[in-house]
PDB file of N, CA and C in Angstrom:
ATOM      1  N   MET A   1       0.834  -1.180   0.000  1.00  0.00           N
ATOM      2  CA  MET A   1       0.000   0.000   0.000  1.00  0.00           C
ATOM      3  C   MET A   1       0.882   1.249   0.000  1.00  0.00           C
ATOM      4  N   THR A   2       0.627   2.159  -0.909  1.00  0.00           N
ATOM      5  CA  THR A   2       1.397   3.390  -1.028  1.00  0.00           C
ATOM      6  C   THR A   2       0.861   4.444  -0.069  1.00  0.00           C
ATOM      7  N   GLN A   3       1.774   5.045   0.684  1.00  0.00           N
ATOM      8  CA  GLN A   3       1.373   6.076   1.633  1.00  0.00           C
ATOM      9  C   GLN A   3       1.424   7.433   0.947  1.00  0.00           C
ATOM     10  N   GLN A   4       0.350   8.212   1.060  1.00  0.00           N
ATOM     11  CA  GLN A   4       0.300   9.536   0.443  1.00  0.00           C
ATOM     12  C   GLN A   4       1.140  10.511   1.261  1.00  0.00           C
ATOM     13  N   THR A   5       1.887  11.363   0.571  1.00  0.00           N
ATOM     14  CA  THR A   5       2.724  12.360   1.221  1.00  0.00           C
ATOM     15  C   THR A   5       1.868  13.555   1.614  1.00  0.00           C
ATOM     16  N   ALA A   6       1.946  13.949   2.884  1.00  0.00           N
ATOM     17  CA  ALA A   6       1.177  15.096   3.385  1.00  0.00           C
ATOM     18  C   ALA A   6       2.086  16.318   3.445  1.00  0.00           C
ATOM     19  N   TRP A   7       1.988  17.177   2.431  1.00  0.00           N
ATOM     20  CA  TRP A   7       2.811  18.370   2.355  1.00  0.00           C
ATOM     21  C   TRP A   7       2.194  19.493   3.176  1.00  0.00           C
ATOM     22  N   GLN A   8       3.036  20.253   3.871  1.00  0.00           N
ATOM     23  CA  GLN A   8       2.593  21.400   4.657  1.00  0.00           C
ATOM     24  C   GLN A   8       3.221  22.652   4.076  1.00  0.00           C
ATOM     25  N   LYS A   9       2.377  23.641   3.757  1.00  0.00           N
ATOM     26  CA  LYS A   9       2.848  24.901   3.184  1.00  0.00           C
ATOM     27  C   LYS A   9       3.437  25.772   4.291  1.00  0.00           C
ATOM     28  N   SER A  10       4.554  26.412   4.002  1.00  0.00           N
ATOM     29  CA  SER A  10       5.176  27.317   4.956  1.00  0.00           C
ATOM     30  C   SER A  10       4.251  28.482   5.265  1.00  0.00           C
ATOM     31  N   SER A  11       4.190  28.862   6.529  1.00  0.00           N
ATOM     32  CA  SER A  11       3.335  29.980   6.931  1.00  0.00           C
ATOM     33  C   SER A  11       3.904  31.317   6.462  1.00  0.00           C
ATOM     34  N   TYR A  12       5.166  31.348   6.024  1.00  0.00           N
ATOM     35  CA  TYR A  12       5.787  32.579   5.555  1.00  0.00           C
ATOM     36  C   TYR A  12       5.726  32.717   4.042  1.00  0.00           C
ATOM     37  N   SER A  13       5.071  31.809   3.369  1.00  0.00           N
ATOM     38  CA  SER A  13       5.040  31.807   1.915  1.00  0.00           C
ATOM     39  C   SER A  13       3.833  32.542   1.375  1.00  0.00           C
ATOM     40  N   GLY A  14       4.044  33.194   0.236  1.00  0.00           N
ATOM     41  CA  GLY A  14       2.992  33.850  -0.528  1.00  0.00           C
ATOM     42  C   GLY A  14       1.751  34.231   0.245  1.00  0.00           C
ATOM     43  N   GLY A  15       0.889  33.304   0.435  1.00  0.00           N
ATOM     44  CA  GLY A  15      -0.370  33.549   1.122  1.00  0.00           C
ATOM     45  C   GLY A  15      -1.523  33.084   0.263  1.00  0.00           C
ATOM     46  N   GLY A  16      -2.606  32.742   0.881  1.00  0.00           N
ATOM     47  CA  GLY A  16      -3.775  32.284   0.139  1.00  0.00           C
ATOM     48  C   GLY A  16      -3.461  31.056  -0.694  1.00  0.00           C
ATOM     49  N   ASP A  17      -3.942  31.063  -1.918  1.00  0.00           N
ATOM     50  CA  ASP A  17      -3.711  29.939  -2.817  1.00  0.00           C
ATOM     51  C   ASP A  17      -2.502  30.165  -3.718  1.00  0.00           C
ATOM     52  N   SER A  18      -1.649  31.079  -3.338  1.00  0.00           N
ATOM     53  CA  SER A  18      -0.461  31.383  -4.129  1.00  0.00           C
ATOM     54  C   SER A  18       0.411  30.136  -4.276  1.00  0.00           C
ATOM     55  N   SER A  19       1.021  29.977  -5.440  1.00  0.00           N
ATOM     56  CA  SER A  19       1.939  28.863  -5.634  1.00  0.00           C
ATOM     57  C   SER A  19       3.363  29.294  -5.315  1.00  0.00           C
ATOM     58  N   ASP A  20       3.500  30.438  -4.676  1.00  0.00           N
ATOM     59  CA  ASP A  20       4.785  31.021  -4.334  1.00  0.00           C
ATOM     60  C   ASP A  20       5.192  30.574  -2.942  1.00  0.00           C
ATOM     61  N   CYS A  21       5.531  29.284  -2.772  1.00  0.00           N
ATOM     62  CA  CYS A  21       5.838  28.846  -1.418  1.00  0.00           C
ATOM     63  C   CYS A  21       6.733  27.619  -1.381  1.00  0.00           C
ATOM     64  N   VAL A  22       7.232  27.375  -0.207  1.00  0.00           N
ATOM     65  CA  VAL A  22       8.017  26.178   0.082  1.00  0.00           C
ATOM     66  C   VAL A  22       7.112  25.248   0.867  1.00  0.00           C
ATOM     67  N   GLU A  23       7.165  23.967   0.543  1.00  0.00           N
ATOM     68  CA  GLU A  23       6.366  22.970   1.248  1.00  0.00           C
ATOM     69  C   GLU A  23       7.296  21.960   1.899  1.00  0.00           C
ATOM     70  N   LEU A  24       6.835  21.390   3.000  1.00  0.00           N
ATOM     71  CA  LEU A  24       7.637  20.501   3.820  1.00  0.00           C
ATOM     72  C   LEU A  24       6.842  19.257   4.157  1.00  0.00           C
ATOM     73  N   CYS A  25       7.516  18.124   4.261  1.00  0.00           N
ATOM     74  CA  CYS A  25       6.864  16.876   4.628  1.00  0.00           C
ATOM     75  C   CYS A  25       7.816  16.073   5.513  1.00  0.00           C
ATOM     76  N   ALA A  26       7.391  15.748   6.728  1.00  0.00           N
ATOM     77  CA  ALA A  26       8.207  14.932   7.631  1.00  0.00           C
ATOM     78  C   ALA A  26       7.863  13.465   7.417  1.00  0.00           C
ATOM     79  N   GLN A  27       8.883  12.644   7.253  1.00  0.00           N
ATOM     80  CA  GLN A  27       8.696  11.205   7.094  1.00  0.00           C
ATOM     81  C   GLN A  27       9.294  10.518   8.313  1.00  0.00           C
ATOM     82  N   GLN A  28       8.454  10.231   9.284  1.00  0.00           N
ATOM     83  CA  GLN A  28       8.928   9.731  10.560  1.00  0.00           C
ATOM     84  C   GLN A  28       9.582   8.356  10.462  1.00  0.00           C
ATOM     85  N   GLN A  29       9.064   7.477   9.603  1.00  0.00           N
ATOM     86  CA  GLN A  29       9.655   6.146   9.505  1.00  0.00           C
ATOM     87  C   GLN A  29      11.100   6.199   9.032  1.00  0.00           C
ATOM     88  N   GLN A  30      11.391   7.094   8.083  1.00  0.00           N
ATOM     89  CA  GLN A  30      12.751   7.216   7.554  1.00  0.00           C
ATOM     90  C   GLN A  30      13.590   8.226   8.327  1.00  0.00           C
ATOM     91  N   GLY A  31      12.971   9.018   9.184  1.00  0.00           N
ATOM     92  CA  GLY A  31      13.692  10.045   9.926  1.00  0.00           C
ATOM     93  C   GLY A  31      14.189  11.167   9.039  1.00  0.00           C
ATOM     94  N   THR A  32      13.453  11.453   7.961  1.00  0.00           N
ATOM     95  CA  THR A  32      13.861  12.491   7.029  1.00  0.00           C
ATOM     96  C   THR A  32      12.778  13.547   6.889  1.00  0.00           C
ATOM     97  N   VAL A  33      13.175  14.649   6.286  1.00  0.00           N
ATOM     98  CA  VAL A  33      12.263  15.739   5.966  1.00  0.00           C
ATOM     99  C   VAL A  33      12.431  16.011   4.483  1.00  0.00           C
ATOM    100  N   LYS A  34      11.320  16.151   3.772  1.00  0.00           N
ATOM    101  CA  LYS A  34      11.369  16.467   2.350  1.00  0.00           C
ATOM    102  C   LYS A  34      10.902  17.899   2.143  1.00  0.00           C
ATOM    103  N   LEU A  35      11.535  18.586   1.194  1.00  0.00           N
ATOM    104  CA  LEU A  35      11.202  19.966   0.859  1.00  0.00           C
ATOM    105  C   LEU A  35      10.959  20.066  -0.635  1.00  0.00           C
ATOM    106  N   ARG A  36      10.070  20.971  -1.017  1.00  0.00           N
ATOM    107  CA  ARG A  36       9.857  21.234  -2.435  1.00  0.00           C
ATOM    108  C   ARG A  36       9.328  22.650  -2.609  1.00  0.00           C
ATOM    109  N   GLU A  37       9.496  23.177  -3.800  1.00  0.00           N
ATOM    110  CA  GLU A  37       8.970  24.485  -4.187  1.00  0.00           C
ATOM    111  C   GLU A  37       7.653  24.231  -4.895  1.00  0.00           C
ATOM    112  N   SER A  38       6.626  24.980  -4.557  1.00  0.00           N
ATOM    113  CA  SER A  38       5.310  24.773  -5.164  1.00  0.00           C
ATOM    114  C   SER A  38       5.342  24.927  -6.675  1.00  0.00           C
ATOM    115  N   ASP A  39       6.226  25.784  -7.187  1.00  0.00           N
ATOM    116  CA  ASP A  39       6.330  25.981  -8.633  1.00  0.00           C
ATOM    117  C   ASP A  39       6.917  24.763  -9.343  1.00  0.00           C
ATOM    118  N   ALA A  40       7.631  23.903  -8.601  1.00  0.00           N
ATOM    119  CA  ALA A  40       8.262  22.717  -9.184  1.00  0.00           C
ATOM    120  C   ALA A  40       8.027  21.522  -8.264  1.00  0.00           C
ATOM    121  N   PRO A  41       6.783  21.079  -8.105  1.00  0.00           N
ATOM    122  CA  PRO A  41       6.472  20.042  -7.126  1.00  0.00           C
ATOM    123  C   PRO A  41       7.113  18.680  -7.392  1.00  0.00           C
ATOM    124  N   SER A  42       7.568  18.439  -8.602  1.00  0.00           N
ATOM    125  CA  SER A  42       8.194  17.144  -8.879  1.00  0.00           C
ATOM    126  C   SER A  42       9.651  17.092  -8.425  1.00  0.00           C
ATOM    127  N   THR A  43      10.226  18.241  -8.073  1.00  0.00           N
ATOM    128  CA  THR A  43      11.605  18.290  -7.580  1.00  0.00           C
ATOM    129  C   THR A  43      11.564  18.351  -6.060  1.00  0.00           C
ATOM    130  N   GLU A  44      12.046  17.295  -5.428  1.00  0.00           N
ATOM    131  CA  GLU A  44      12.025  17.210  -3.970  1.00  0.00           C
ATOM    132  C   GLU A  44      13.443  17.050  -3.440  1.00  0.00           C
ATOM    133  N   LEU A  45      13.703  17.709  -2.322  1.00  0.00           N
ATOM    134  CA  LEU A  45      14.974  17.562  -1.615  1.00  0.00           C
ATOM    135  C   LEU A  45      14.707  16.789  -0.339  1.00  0.00           C
ATOM    136  N   SER A  46      15.642  15.965   0.053  1.00  0.00           N
ATOM    137  CA  SER A  46      15.483  15.188   1.274  1.00  0.00           C
ATOM    138  C   SER A  46      16.649  15.487   2.198  1.00  0.00           C
ATOM    139  N   THR A  47      16.354  15.675   3.486  1.00  0.00           N
ATOM    140  CA  THR A  47      17.393  15.972   4.464  1.00  0.00           C
ATOM    141  C   THR A  47      16.959  15.422   5.820  1.00  0.00           C
ATOM    142  N   THR A  48      17.774  15.629   6.819  1.00  0.00           N
ATOM    143  CA  THR A  48      17.427  15.211   8.181  1.00  0.00           C
ATOM    144  C   THR A  48      16.887  16.419   8.944  1.00  0.00           C
ATOM    145  N   PRO A  49      16.113  16.184   9.991  1.00  0.00           N
ATOM    146  CA  PRO A  49      15.628  17.312  10.794  1.00  0.00           C
ATOM    147  C   PRO A  49      16.773  18.166  11.352  1.00  0.00           C
ATOM    148  N   GLU A  50      17.871  17.537  11.718  1.00  0.00           N
ATOM    149  CA  GLU A  50      19.009  18.275  12.268  1.00  0.00           C
ATOM    150  C   GLU A  50      19.624  19.210  11.229  1.00  0.00           C
ATOM    151  N   ARG A  51      19.780  18.716  10.009  1.00  0.00           N
ATOM    152  CA  ARG A  51      20.363  19.560   8.957  1.00  0.00           C
ATOM    153  C   ARG A  51      19.414  20.689   8.568  1.00  0.00           C
ATOM    154  N   LEU A  52      18.130  20.412   8.546  1.00  0.00           N
ATOM    155  CA  LEU A  52      17.154  21.464   8.246  1.00  0.00           C
ATOM    156  C   LEU A  52      17.191  22.537   9.330  1.00  0.00           C
ATOM    157  N   ALA A  53      17.256  22.121  10.596  1.00  0.00           N
ATOM    158  CA  ALA A  53      17.334  23.084  11.703  1.00  0.00           C
ATOM    159  C   ALA A  53      18.597  23.936  11.584  1.00  0.00           C
ATOM    160  N   HIS A  54      19.707  23.319  11.184  1.00  0.00           N
ATOM    161  CA  HIS A  54      20.959  24.060  10.993  1.00  0.00           C
ATOM    162  C   HIS A  54      20.800  25.104   9.881  1.00  0.00           C
ATOM    163  N   LEU A  55      20.180  24.715   8.778  1.00  0.00           N
ATOM    164  CA  LEU A  55      19.940  25.647   7.670  1.00  0.00           C
ATOM    165  C   LEU A  55      19.073  26.820   8.133  1.00  0.00           C
ATOM    166  N   ILE A  56      18.001  26.542   8.852  1.00  0.00           N
ATOM    167  CA  ILE A  56      17.096  27.602   9.315  1.00  0.00           C
ATOM    168  C   ILE A  56      17.827  28.560  10.252  1.00  0.00           C
ATOM    169  N   ARG A  57      18.627  28.008  11.177  1.00  0.00           N
ATOM    170  CA  ARG A  57      19.399  28.871  12.084  1.00  0.00           C
ATOM    171  C   ARG A  57      20.359  29.762  11.294  1.00  0.00           C
ATOM    172  N   HIS A  58      20.997  29.190  10.280  1.00  0.00           N
ATOM    173  CA  HIS A  58      21.927  29.960   9.459  1.00  0.00           C
ATOM    174  C   HIS A  58      21.212  31.086   8.713  1.00  0.00           C
ATOM    175  N   VAL A  59      20.084  30.771   8.089  1.00  0.00           N
ATOM    176  CA  VAL A  59      19.334  31.787   7.342  1.00  0.00           C
ATOM    177  C   VAL A  59      18.864  32.896   8.275  1.00  0.00           C
ATOM    178  N   LYS A  60      18.376  32.520   9.457  1.00  0.00           N
ATOM    179  CA  LYS A  60      17.895  33.523  10.420  1.00  0.00           C
ATOM    180  C   LYS A  60      19.030  34.426  10.910  1.00  0.00           C
ATOM    181  N   SER A  61      20.258  33.934  10.912  1.00  0.00           N
ATOM    182  CA  SER A  61      21.374  34.717  11.433  1.00  0.00           C
ATOM    183  C   SER A  61      21.906  35.730  10.417  1.00  0.00           C
ATOM    184  N   GLN A  62      21.483  35.629   9.169  1.00  0.00           N
ATOM    185  CA  GLN A  62      21.958  36.529   8.117  1.00  0.00           C
ATOM    186  C   GLN A  62      21.236  37.869   8.187  1.00  0.00           C
ATOM    187  N   PRO A  63      21.953  38.953   7.817  1.00  0.00           N
ATOM    188  CA  PRO A  63      21.296  40.262   7.783  1.00  0.00           C
ATOM    189  C   PRO A  63      20.123  40.225   6.797  1.00  0.00           C
ATOM    190  N   HIS A  64      19.073  40.907   7.156  1.00  0.00           N
ATOM    191  CA  HIS A  64      17.896  40.931   6.296  1.00  0.00           C
ATOM    192  C   HIS A  64      18.159  41.803   5.069  1.00  0.00           C
ATOM    193  N   VAL A  65      17.815  41.256   3.942  1.00  0.00           N
ATOM    194  CA  VAL A  65      17.938  41.964   2.675  1.00  0.00           C
ATOM    195  C   VAL A  65      16.542  42.066   2.099  1.00  0.00           C
ATOM    196  N   LYS A  66      16.201  43.244   1.590  1.00  0.00           N
ATOM    197  CA  LYS A  66      14.882  43.413   1.007  1.00  0.00           C
ATOM    198  C   LYS A  66      14.716  42.406  -0.119  1.00  0.00           C
ATOM    199  N   SER A  67      13.702  41.569  -0.011  1.00  0.00           N
ATOM    200  CA  SER A  67      13.512  40.534  -1.016  1.00  0.00           C
ATOM    201  C   SER A  67      12.849  41.092  -2.258  1.00  0.00           C
ATOM    202  N   GLN A  68      13.229  40.542  -3.378  1.00  0.00           N
ATOM    203  CA  GLN A  68      12.664  40.917  -4.661  1.00  0.00           C
ATOM    204  C   GLN A  68      11.635  39.868  -5.059  1.00  0.00           C
ATOM    205  N   PRO A  69      10.597  40.261  -5.784  1.00  0.00           N
ATOM    206  CA  PRO A  69       9.628  39.272  -6.237  1.00  0.00           C
ATOM    207  C   PRO A  69      10.319  38.236  -7.111  1.00  0.00           C
ATOM    208  N   HIS A  70       9.851  37.010  -7.001  1.00  0.00           N
ATOM    209  CA  HIS A  70      10.419  35.923  -7.798  1.00  0.00           C
ATOM    210  C   HIS A  70      10.075  36.148  -9.267  1.00  0.00           C
ATOM    211  N   VAL A  71      11.107  36.248 -10.088  1.00  0.00           N
ATOM    212  CA  VAL A  71      10.911  36.459 -11.512  1.00  0.00           C
ATOM    213  C   VAL A  71      11.628  35.332 -12.240  1.00  0.00           C
ATOM    214  N   LYS A  72      10.894  34.603 -13.051  1.00  0.00           N
ATOM    215  CA  LYS A  72      11.522  33.548 -13.830  1.00  0.00           C
ATOM    216  C   LYS A  72      12.264  34.171 -14.993  1.00  0.00           C
ATOM    217  N   SER A  73      13.516  33.777 -15.158  1.00  0.00           N
ATOM    218  CA  SER A  73      14.304  34.365 -16.233  1.00  0.00           C
ATOM    219  C   SER A  73      13.873  33.818 -17.584  1.00  0.00           C
ATOM    220  N   GLN A  74      14.011  34.653 -18.566  1.00  0.00           N
ATOM    221  CA  GLN A  74      13.683  34.263 -19.933  1.00  0.00           C
ATOM    222  C   GLN A  74      14.939  34.386 -20.779  1.00  0.00           C
ATOM    223  N   PRO A  75      15.053  33.579 -21.820  1.00  0.00           N
ATOM    224  CA  PRO A  75      16.241  33.681 -22.665  1.00  0.00           C
ATOM    225  C   PRO A  75      16.321  35.068 -23.297  1.00  0.00           C
ATOM    226  N   PRO A  76      17.536  35.571 -23.519  1.00  0.00           N
ATOM    227  CA  PRO A  76      17.673  36.899 -24.121  1.00  0.00           C
ATOM    228  C   PRO A  76      17.080  36.934 -25.517  1.00  0.00           C
ATOM    229  N   ASN A  77      16.571  38.096 -25.873  1.00  0.00           N
ATOM    230  CA  ASN A  77      15.994  38.295 -27.211  1.00  0.00           C
ATOM    231  C   ASN A  77      17.150  38.593 -28.154  1.00  0.00           C
ATOM    232  N   ARG A  78      17.453  37.653 -29.011  1.00  0.00           N
ATOM    233  CA  ARG A  78      18.570  37.816 -29.945  1.00  0.00           C
ATOM    234  C   ARG A  78      18.049  37.987 -31.356  1.00  0.00           C
ATOM    235  N   SER A  79      17.751  39.217 -31.674  1.00  0.00           N
ATOM    236  CA  SER A  79      17.255  39.479 -33.037  1.00  0.00           C
ATOM    237  C   SER A  79      18.436  39.821 -33.934  1.00  0.00           C
ATOM    238  N   ARG A  80      18.385  39.335 -35.120  1.00  0.00           N
ATOM    239  CA  ARG A  80      19.455  39.611 -36.083  1.00  0.00           C
ATOM    240  C   ARG A  80      19.074  40.806 -36.923  1.00  0.00           C
ATOM    241  N   GLY A  81      19.992  41.666 -37.172  1.00  0.00           N
ATOM    242  CA  GLY A  81      19.638  42.842 -37.927  1.00  0.00           C
ATOM    243  C   GLY A  81      20.659  43.358 -38.840  1.00  0.00           C
TER     244      GLY A  81
END
């Protein structure tokens, strides 16, 4: 029997039904935590709770920088003339 993954949206992400967020899933049997970006749900990262806590502590310790809206890059317009 396949167990369905229960993803939890970050409370600091986008808001509402925005797809602008990070999602997290704890897998207690394996002792791992999975992360994914809502914009790319098929790409998942797996780590341990300890490593995730270390990452969060590191990010929180950094000086705050005004965040820019997420903009997907597009290939340059190369017109021949």
